[in-house]
């Protein structure tokens, strides 16, 4: 089994990786970290990732590779060497909620760990659409890590 962490481009995604790594360690599972680039937003996501510290897409052949490379860099910046040895990375392009559920099934995820932003008082009643969709449609337990709103 595995613990799946689904991350976005936000710096706060490091917290999602940390929590998922702790969970994977507790269950002696592999940690799989996935980043999904929405198909209709590929160009904007690429620009956003290029603005992150330490990001480079040298040698990247397609968007899935670009997403996986982004995951590798986030994992490297977040976890120590020993923790990184038990991490698999995945990059996908498509609808994030669909791709996250697909990866969860492929790796037989024990848990799916996702971020949920702190929001305004009105917004606190609802999650972001991707988070909400994963919570409502996953056939696996989902852990939501509260992260600061990056907008």
C-alpha atoms as a PDB file:
ATOM      1  CA  UNK A   1       0.000   0.000   0.000  1.00  0.00           C
ATOM      2  CA  UNK A   2       0.931   3.646  -0.263  1.00  0.00           C
ATOM      3  CA  UNK A   3       0.036   7.066   1.032  1.00  0.00           C
ATOM      4  CA  UNK A   4      -0.722   9.518  -1.777  1.00  0.00           C
ATOM      5  CA  UNK A   5      -0.004  13.244  -1.392  1.00  0.00           C
ATOM      6  CA  UNK A   6      -1.554  15.470  -4.057  1.00  0.00           C
ATOM      7  CA  UNK A   7       0.184  18.834  -4.279  1.00  0.00           C
ATOM      8  CA  UNK A   8      -0.237  22.126  -6.097  1.00  0.00           C
ATOM      9  CA  UNK A   9       2.275  24.820  -6.959  1.00  0.00           C
ATOM     10  CA  UNK A  10       1.926  26.598  -3.626  1.00  0.00           C
ATOM     11  CA  UNK A  11       4.766  26.695  -1.127  1.00  0.00           C
ATOM     12  CA  UNK A  12       2.174  25.406   1.366  1.00  0.00           C
ATOM     13  CA  UNK A  13       2.227  22.068  -0.474  1.00  0.00           C
ATOM     14  CA  UNK A  14       5.374  21.273   1.483  1.00  0.00           C
ATOM     15  CA  UNK A  15       3.148  20.880   4.548  1.00  0.00           C
ATOM     16  CA  UNK A  16       1.015  18.336   2.667  1.00  0.00           C
ATOM     17  CA  UNK A  17       4.189  16.381   1.826  1.00  0.00           C
ATOM     18  CA  UNK A  18       5.360  16.474   5.462  1.00  0.00           C
ATOM     19  CA  UNK A  19       2.053  15.204   6.829  1.00  0.00           C
ATOM     20  CA  UNK A  20       1.817  12.483   4.175  1.00  0.00           C
ATOM     21  CA  UNK A  21       5.415  11.419   4.864  1.00  0.00           C
ATOM     22  CA  UNK A  22       4.630  11.081   8.576  1.00  0.00           C
ATOM     23  CA  UNK A  23       1.576   8.983   7.750  1.00  0.00           C
ATOM     24  CA  UNK A  24       3.543   6.773   5.325  1.00  0.00           C
ATOM     25  CA  UNK A  25       6.235   6.260   7.961  1.00  0.00           C
ATOM     26  CA  UNK A  26       3.651   5.348  10.602  1.00  0.00           C
ATOM     27  CA  UNK A  27       2.163   2.685   8.322  1.00  0.00           C
ATOM     28  CA  UNK A  28       5.499   1.626   6.811  1.00  0.00           C
ATOM     29  CA  UNK A  29       4.096   2.524   3.374  1.00  0.00           C
ATOM     30  CA  UNK A  30       5.627   4.145   0.336  1.00  0.00           C
ATOM     31  CA  UNK A  31       4.823   7.818  -0.113  1.00  0.00           C
ATOM     32  CA  UNK A  32       3.631   8.728  -3.600  1.00  0.00           C
ATOM     33  CA  UNK A  33       3.495  12.443  -4.380  1.00  0.00           C
ATOM     34  CA  UNK A  34       1.556  13.629  -7.424  1.00  0.00           C
ATOM     35  CA  UNK A  35       1.116  16.984  -9.086  1.00  0.00           C
ATOM     36  CA  UNK A  36      -1.532  17.418 -11.783  1.00  0.00           C
ATOM     37  CA  UNK A  37      -1.401  20.193 -14.347  1.00  0.00           C
ATOM     38  CA  UNK A  38      -4.937  20.975 -15.514  1.00  0.00           C
ATOM     39  CA  UNK A  39      -5.018  20.459 -19.277  1.00  0.00           C
ATOM     40  CA  UNK A  40      -6.705  23.785 -20.007  1.00  0.00           C
ATOM     41  CA  UNK A  41      -4.184  25.669 -17.830  1.00  0.00           C
ATOM     42  CA  UNK A  42      -0.873  24.125 -18.914  1.00  0.00           C
ATOM     43  CA  UNK A  43       0.772  27.376 -20.035  1.00  0.00           C
ATOM     44  CA  UNK A  44      -0.153  29.278 -16.876  1.00  0.00           C
ATOM     45  CA  UNK A  45       0.955  26.422 -14.623  1.00  0.00           C
ATOM     46  CA  UNK A  46       4.294  26.233 -16.403  1.00  0.00           C
ATOM     47  CA  UNK A  47       4.802  29.994 -15.855  1.00  0.00           C
ATOM     48  CA  UNK A  48       3.866  29.632 -12.171  1.00  0.00           C
ATOM     49  CA  UNK A  49       6.270  26.725 -11.626  1.00  0.00           C
ATOM     50  CA  UNK A  50       9.106  28.586 -13.369  1.00  0.00           C
ATOM     51  CA  UNK A  51       8.708  31.415 -10.843  1.00  0.00           C
ATOM     52  CA  UNK A  52       9.291  29.085  -7.877  1.00  0.00           C
ATOM     53  CA  UNK A  53      12.755  29.143  -6.266  1.00  0.00           C
ATOM     54  CA  UNK A  54      15.087  26.511  -7.677  1.00  0.00           C
ATOM     55  CA  UNK A  55      12.749  25.352 -10.448  1.00  0.00           C
ATOM     56  CA  UNK A  56      14.221  24.533 -13.848  1.00  0.00           C
ATOM     57  CA  UNK A  57      12.629  22.577 -16.663  1.00  0.00           C
ATOM     58  CA  UNK A  58      15.866  21.756 -18.473  1.00  0.00           C
ATOM     59  CA  UNK A  59      15.581  18.316 -20.056  1.00  0.00           C
ATOM     60  CA  UNK A  60      11.809  18.112 -19.570  1.00  0.00           C
ATOM     61  CA  UNK A  61      10.059  16.623 -22.594  1.00  0.00           C
ATOM     62  CA  UNK A  62       6.343  17.047 -21.849  1.00  0.00           C
ATOM     63  CA  UNK A  63       3.904  18.371 -19.275  1.00  0.00           C
ATOM     64  CA  UNK A  64       3.695  15.096 -17.328  1.00  0.00           C
ATOM     65  CA  UNK A  65       7.487  15.100 -17.011  1.00  0.00           C
ATOM     66  CA  UNK A  66       7.359  18.767 -16.009  1.00  0.00           C
ATOM     67  CA  UNK A  67       4.832  17.965 -13.266  1.00  0.00           C
ATOM     68  CA  UNK A  68       6.916  15.011 -12.031  1.00  0.00           C
ATOM     69  CA  UNK A  69      10.066  17.150 -12.046  1.00  0.00           C
ATOM     70  CA  UNK A  70       8.230  19.753  -9.973  1.00  0.00           C
ATOM     71  CA  UNK A  71       7.262  17.034  -7.465  1.00  0.00           C
ATOM     72  CA  UNK A  72      10.884  15.838  -7.235  1.00  0.00           C
ATOM     73  CA  UNK A  73      12.062  19.346  -6.419  1.00  0.00           C
ATOM     74  CA  UNK A  74       9.335  19.902  -3.807  1.00  0.00           C
ATOM     75  CA  UNK A  75      10.149  16.562  -2.164  1.00  0.00           C
ATOM     76  CA  UNK A  76      13.865  17.376  -2.186  1.00  0.00           C
ATOM     77  CA  UNK A  77      13.215  20.747  -0.532  1.00  0.00           C
ATOM     78  CA  UNK A  78      10.881  19.231   2.071  1.00  0.00           C
ATOM     79  CA  UNK A  79      12.116  15.815   3.176  1.00  0.00           C
ATOM     80  CA  UNK A  80      15.464  14.555   4.379  1.00  0.00           C
ATOM     81  CA  UNK A  81      17.491  11.979   2.454  1.00  0.00           C
ATOM     82  CA  UNK A  82      16.206   8.997   4.427  1.00  0.00           C
ATOM     83  CA  UNK A  83      12.577  10.007   3.890  1.00  0.00           C
ATOM     84  CA  UNK A  84      13.152  10.647   0.166  1.00  0.00           C
ATOM     85  CA  UNK A  85      14.305   7.053  -0.338  1.00  0.00           C
ATOM     86  CA  UNK A  86      10.720   5.891   0.197  1.00  0.00           C
ATOM     87  CA  UNK A  87       9.086   8.381  -2.171  1.00  0.00           C
ATOM     88  CA  UNK A  88       7.738   7.819  -5.663  1.00  0.00           C
ATOM     89  CA  UNK A  89       6.752  10.787  -7.789  1.00  0.00           C
ATOM     90  CA  UNK A  90       4.025  11.142 -10.386  1.00  0.00           C
ATOM     91  CA  UNK A  91       3.160  13.918 -12.794  1.00  0.00           C
ATOM     92  CA  UNK A  92      -0.099  14.067 -14.680  1.00  0.00           C
ATOM     93  CA  UNK A  93      -2.033  16.339 -17.007  1.00  0.00           C
ATOM     94  CA  UNK A  94      -5.829  16.471 -16.947  1.00  0.00           C
ATOM     95  CA  UNK A  95      -8.600  17.137 -14.442  1.00  0.00           C
ATOM     96  CA  UNK A  96      -6.855  17.172 -11.050  1.00  0.00           C
ATOM     97  CA  UNK A  97      -9.638  15.409  -9.153  1.00  0.00           C
ATOM     98  CA  UNK A  98      -9.877  12.663 -11.780  1.00  0.00           C
ATOM     99  CA  UNK A  99      -6.122  12.183 -12.007  1.00  0.00           C
ATOM    100  CA  UNK A 100      -5.661  12.109  -8.220  1.00  0.00           C
ATOM    101  CA  UNK A 101      -8.344   9.433  -7.884  1.00  0.00           C
ATOM    102  CA  UNK A 102      -6.730   7.486 -10.736  1.00  0.00           C
ATOM    103  CA  UNK A 103      -3.284   7.551  -9.130  1.00  0.00           C
ATOM    104  CA  UNK A 104      -4.818   6.577  -5.773  1.00  0.00           C
ATOM    105  CA  UNK A 105      -6.300   3.494  -7.413  1.00  0.00           C
ATOM    106  CA  UNK A 106      -3.082   2.644  -9.296  1.00  0.00           C
ATOM    107  CA  UNK A 107      -0.946   2.725  -6.135  1.00  0.00           C
ATOM    108  CA  UNK A 108      -3.627   1.233  -3.872  1.00  0.00           C
ATOM    109  CA  UNK A 109      -3.482   4.288  -1.603  1.00  0.00           C
ATOM    110  CA  UNK A 110      -4.288   3.708   2.031  1.00  0.00           C
ATOM    111  CA  UNK A 111      -4.879   7.471   2.374  1.00  0.00           C
ATOM    112  CA  UNK A 112      -5.024  10.479   0.072  1.00  0.00           C
ATOM    113  CA  UNK A 113      -3.548  13.635   1.589  1.00  0.00           C
ATOM    114  CA  UNK A 114      -4.549  16.980   0.089  1.00  0.00           C
ATOM    115  CA  UNK A 115      -4.326  20.640   1.028  1.00  0.00           C
ATOM    116  CA  UNK A 116      -7.231  22.802   2.062  1.00  0.00           C
ATOM    117  CA  UNK A 117      -6.705  26.550   2.195  1.00  0.00           C
ATOM    118  CA  UNK A 118      -7.549  28.858   5.050  1.00  0.00           C
ATOM    119  CA  UNK A 119     -10.251  31.070   3.604  1.00  0.00           C
ATOM    120  CA  UNK A 120     -12.332  34.110   4.447  1.00  0.00           C
ATOM    121  CA  UNK A 121     -15.121  33.591   6.986  1.00  0.00           C
ATOM    122  CA  UNK A 122     -17.630  33.106   4.166  1.00  0.00           C
ATOM    123  CA  UNK A 123     -15.281  30.797   2.237  1.00  0.00           C
ATOM    124  CA  UNK A 124     -14.560  28.596   5.256  1.00  0.00           C
ATOM    125  CA  UNK A 125     -17.900  26.880   4.768  1.00  0.00           C
ATOM    126  CA  UNK A 126     -16.698  25.471   1.453  1.00  0.00           C
ATOM    127  CA  UNK A 127     -13.460  23.907   0.208  1.00  0.00           C
ATOM    128  CA  UNK A 128     -11.904  24.665  -3.153  1.00  0.00           C
ATOM    129  CA  UNK A 129     -13.593  22.778  -5.977  1.00  0.00           C
ATOM    130  CA  UNK A 130     -10.753  20.275  -6.463  1.00  0.00           C
ATOM    131  CA  UNK A 131     -10.485  19.529  -2.748  1.00  0.00           C
ATOM    132  CA  UNK A 132     -14.244  19.239  -2.450  1.00  0.00           C
ATOM    133  CA  UNK A 133     -14.479  16.911  -5.443  1.00  0.00           C
ATOM    134  CA  UNK A 134     -11.762  14.619  -4.082  1.00  0.00           C
ATOM    135  CA  UNK A 135     -13.397  14.561  -0.650  1.00  0.00           C
ATOM    136  CA  UNK A 136     -16.829  13.758  -2.051  1.00  0.00           C
ATOM    137  CA  UNK A 137     -15.822  11.274  -4.738  1.00  0.00           C
ATOM    138  CA  UNK A 138     -12.856   9.345  -3.370  1.00  0.00           C
ATOM    139  CA  UNK A 139     -13.366   5.734  -2.398  1.00  0.00           C
ATOM    140  CA  UNK A 140     -10.363   6.052  -0.060  1.00  0.00           C
ATOM    141  CA  UNK A 141      -9.914   7.943   3.198  1.00  0.00           C
ATOM    142  CA  UNK A 142      -8.904  11.558   2.536  1.00  0.00           C
ATOM    143  CA  UNK A 143      -6.888  13.671   4.956  1.00  0.00           C
ATOM    144  CA  UNK A 144      -7.111  17.416   4.387  1.00  0.00           C
ATOM    145  CA  UNK A 145      -4.165  19.469   5.629  1.00  0.00           C
ATOM    146  CA  UNK A 146      -5.051  23.044   6.406  1.00  0.00           C
ATOM    147  CA  UNK A 147      -2.723  25.360   4.497  1.00  0.00           C
ATOM    148  CA  UNK A 148      -2.544  29.167   4.276  1.00  0.00           C
ATOM    149  CA  UNK A 149      -4.423  30.793   1.426  1.00  0.00           C
ATOM    150  CA  UNK A 150      -1.784  31.635  -1.178  1.00  0.00           C
ATOM    151  CA  UNK A 151      -3.911  33.929  -3.292  1.00  0.00           C
END
